[in-house]
Amino acid sequence: MAGTALAETRNSARARVGSLSRSRTPEDPDLVKARRDLAAGQLAHHIEKVLSVAPPLSIDQRAELAALFEAGRAEVGIG
């Protein structure tokens, strides 16, 4: 079940951020990655939650939402 795996991933990322933040600087690559993983897990959880009760999205709506992710990729220099 996707929700269960997602919850485990978020919990694991949350614990990793907590553990690493005690002994690492904010710029530490492992801590930065753990924070990014946690943010992605939280975002995925929220999207899943909203979509589970929303009516189906149109193709145009899906494209607009996908464009938001692409804009984020461009801002951080990915792709």
C-alpha atoms as a PDB file:
ATOM      1  CA  MET A   1       0.000   0.000   0.000  1.00  0.00           C
ATOM      2  CA  ALA A   2       1.465   3.353  -1.082  1.00  0.00           C
ATOM      3  CA  GLY A   3       0.242   5.275   1.958  1.00  0.00           C
ATOM      4  CA  THR A   4       1.956   2.890   4.363  1.00  0.00           C
ATOM      5  CA  ALA A   5       5.278   3.022   2.525  1.00  0.00           C
ATOM      6  CA  LEU A   6       4.992   6.783   2.287  1.00  0.00           C
ATOM      7  CA  ALA A   7       4.380   7.114   6.031  1.00  0.00           C
ATOM      8  CA  GLU A   8       7.380   4.909   6.784  1.00  0.00           C
ATOM      9  CA  THR A   9       9.563   7.005   4.471  1.00  0.00           C
ATOM     10  CA  ARG A  10       8.407  10.256   6.076  1.00  0.00           C
ATOM     11  CA  ASN A  11       8.967   8.885   9.575  1.00  0.00           C
ATOM     12  CA  SER A  12      12.421   7.635   8.628  1.00  0.00           C
ATOM     13  CA  ALA A  13      13.348  10.986   7.055  1.00  0.00           C
ATOM     14  CA  ARG A  14      12.041  12.875  10.087  1.00  0.00           C
ATOM     15  CA  ALA A  15      14.144  10.719  12.417  1.00  0.00           C
ATOM     16  CA  ARG A  16      17.215  11.121  10.214  1.00  0.00           C
ATOM     17  CA  VAL A  17      16.884  14.919  10.201  1.00  0.00           C
ATOM     18  CA  GLY A  18      16.545  14.903  13.981  1.00  0.00           C
ATOM     19  CA  SER A  19      19.576  12.694  14.425  1.00  0.00           C
ATOM     20  CA  LEU A  20      21.822  14.529  11.968  1.00  0.00           C
ATOM     21  CA  SER A  21      20.831  18.005  13.145  1.00  0.00           C
ATOM     22  CA  ARG A  22      22.296  17.287  16.583  1.00  0.00           C
ATOM     23  CA  SER A  23      25.825  16.789  15.326  1.00  0.00           C
ATOM     24  CA  ARG A  24      26.070  18.417  11.892  1.00  0.00           C
ATOM     25  CA  THR A  25      26.178  21.941  10.546  1.00  0.00           C
ATOM     26  CA  PRO A  26      23.132  23.132   8.582  1.00  0.00           C
ATOM     27  CA  GLU A  27      25.164  22.965   5.344  1.00  0.00           C
ATOM     28  CA  ASP A  28      26.253  19.347   5.837  1.00  0.00           C
ATOM     29  CA  PRO A  29      25.425  17.423   2.619  1.00  0.00           C
ATOM     30  CA  ASP A  30      23.853  14.485   4.480  1.00  0.00           C
ATOM     31  CA  LEU A  31      21.640  16.800   6.528  1.00  0.00           C
ATOM     32  CA  VAL A  32      20.670  18.813   3.442  1.00  0.00           C
ATOM     33  CA  LYS A  33      19.685  15.568   1.687  1.00  0.00           C
ATOM     34  CA  ALA A  34      17.736  14.352   4.711  1.00  0.00           C
ATOM     35  CA  ARG A  35      15.825  17.635   4.863  1.00  0.00           C
ATOM     36  CA  ARG A  36      15.113  17.453   1.140  1.00  0.00           C
ATOM     37  CA  ASP A  37      13.875  13.854   1.527  1.00  0.00           C
ATOM     38  CA  LEU A  38      11.634  14.888   4.418  1.00  0.00           C
ATOM     39  CA  ALA A  39      10.189  17.805   2.450  1.00  0.00           C
ATOM     40  CA  ALA A  40       9.508  15.545  -0.538  1.00  0.00           C
ATOM     41  CA  GLY A  41       7.833  12.975   1.687  1.00  0.00           C
ATOM     42  CA  GLN A  42       5.651  15.605   3.317  1.00  0.00           C
ATOM     43  CA  LEU A  43       4.704  17.042  -0.058  1.00  0.00           C
ATOM     44  CA  ALA A  44       3.879  13.601  -1.452  1.00  0.00           C
ATOM     45  CA  HIS A  45       1.751  12.854   1.610  1.00  0.00           C
ATOM     46  CA  HIS A  46      -0.170  16.101   1.223  1.00  0.00           C
ATOM     47  CA  ILE A  47      -0.734  15.571  -2.502  1.00  0.00           C
ATOM     48  CA  GLU A  48      -1.926  12.017  -1.890  1.00  0.00           C
ATOM     49  CA  LYS A  49      -4.292  13.214   0.843  1.00  0.00           C
ATOM     50  CA  VAL A  50      -5.803  15.987  -1.292  1.00  0.00           C
ATOM     51  CA  LEU A  51      -6.157  13.821  -4.388  1.00  0.00           C
ATOM     52  CA  SER A  52      -7.865  11.056  -2.439  1.00  0.00           C
ATOM     53  CA  VAL A  53     -10.906  13.281  -1.832  1.00  0.00           C
ATOM     54  CA  ALA A  54     -10.794  15.542  -4.899  1.00  0.00           C
ATOM     55  CA  PRO A  55     -12.697  14.933  -8.106  1.00  0.00           C
ATOM     56  CA  PRO A  56     -10.544  13.718 -11.008  1.00  0.00           C
ATOM     57  CA  LEU A  57      -8.302  16.399 -12.484  1.00  0.00           C
ATOM     58  CA  SER A  58      -8.544  17.402 -16.124  1.00  0.00           C
ATOM     59  CA  ILE A  59      -5.574  16.916 -18.412  1.00  0.00           C
ATOM     60  CA  ASP A  60      -4.961  20.680 -18.362  1.00  0.00           C
ATOM     61  CA  GLN A  61      -5.035  20.781 -14.560  1.00  0.00           C
ATOM     62  CA  ARG A  62      -2.560  17.908 -14.380  1.00  0.00           C
ATOM     63  CA  ALA A  63      -0.271  19.707 -16.830  1.00  0.00           C
ATOM     64  CA  GLU A  64      -0.424  22.912 -14.769  1.00  0.00           C
ATOM     65  CA  LEU A  65       0.464  21.033 -11.598  1.00  0.00           C
ATOM     66  CA  ALA A  66       3.303  19.202 -13.339  1.00  0.00           C
ATOM     67  CA  ALA A  67       4.611  22.578 -14.522  1.00  0.00           C
ATOM     68  CA  LEU A  68       4.941  23.656 -10.888  1.00  0.00           C
ATOM     69  CA  PHE A  69       7.370  20.798 -10.316  1.00  0.00           C
ATOM     70  CA  GLU A  70       9.322  21.678 -13.450  1.00  0.00           C
ATOM     71  CA  ALA A  71       9.563  25.305 -12.293  1.00  0.00           C
ATOM     72  CA  GLY A  72      11.021  24.063  -9.009  1.00  0.00           C
ATOM     73  CA  ARG A  73      13.574  21.989 -10.903  1.00  0.00           C
ATOM     74  CA  ALA A  74      14.671  25.047 -12.881  1.00  0.00           C
ATOM     75  CA  GLU A  75      15.021  27.159  -9.725  1.00  0.00           C
ATOM     76  CA  VAL A  76      17.497  24.730  -8.197  1.00  0.00           C
ATOM     77  CA  GLY A  77      19.317  24.059 -11.464  1.00  0.00           C
ATOM     78  CA  ILE A  78      18.129  20.494 -12.059  1.00  0.00           C
ATOM     79  CA  GLY A  79      17.642  19.243 -15.597  1.00  0.00           C
END
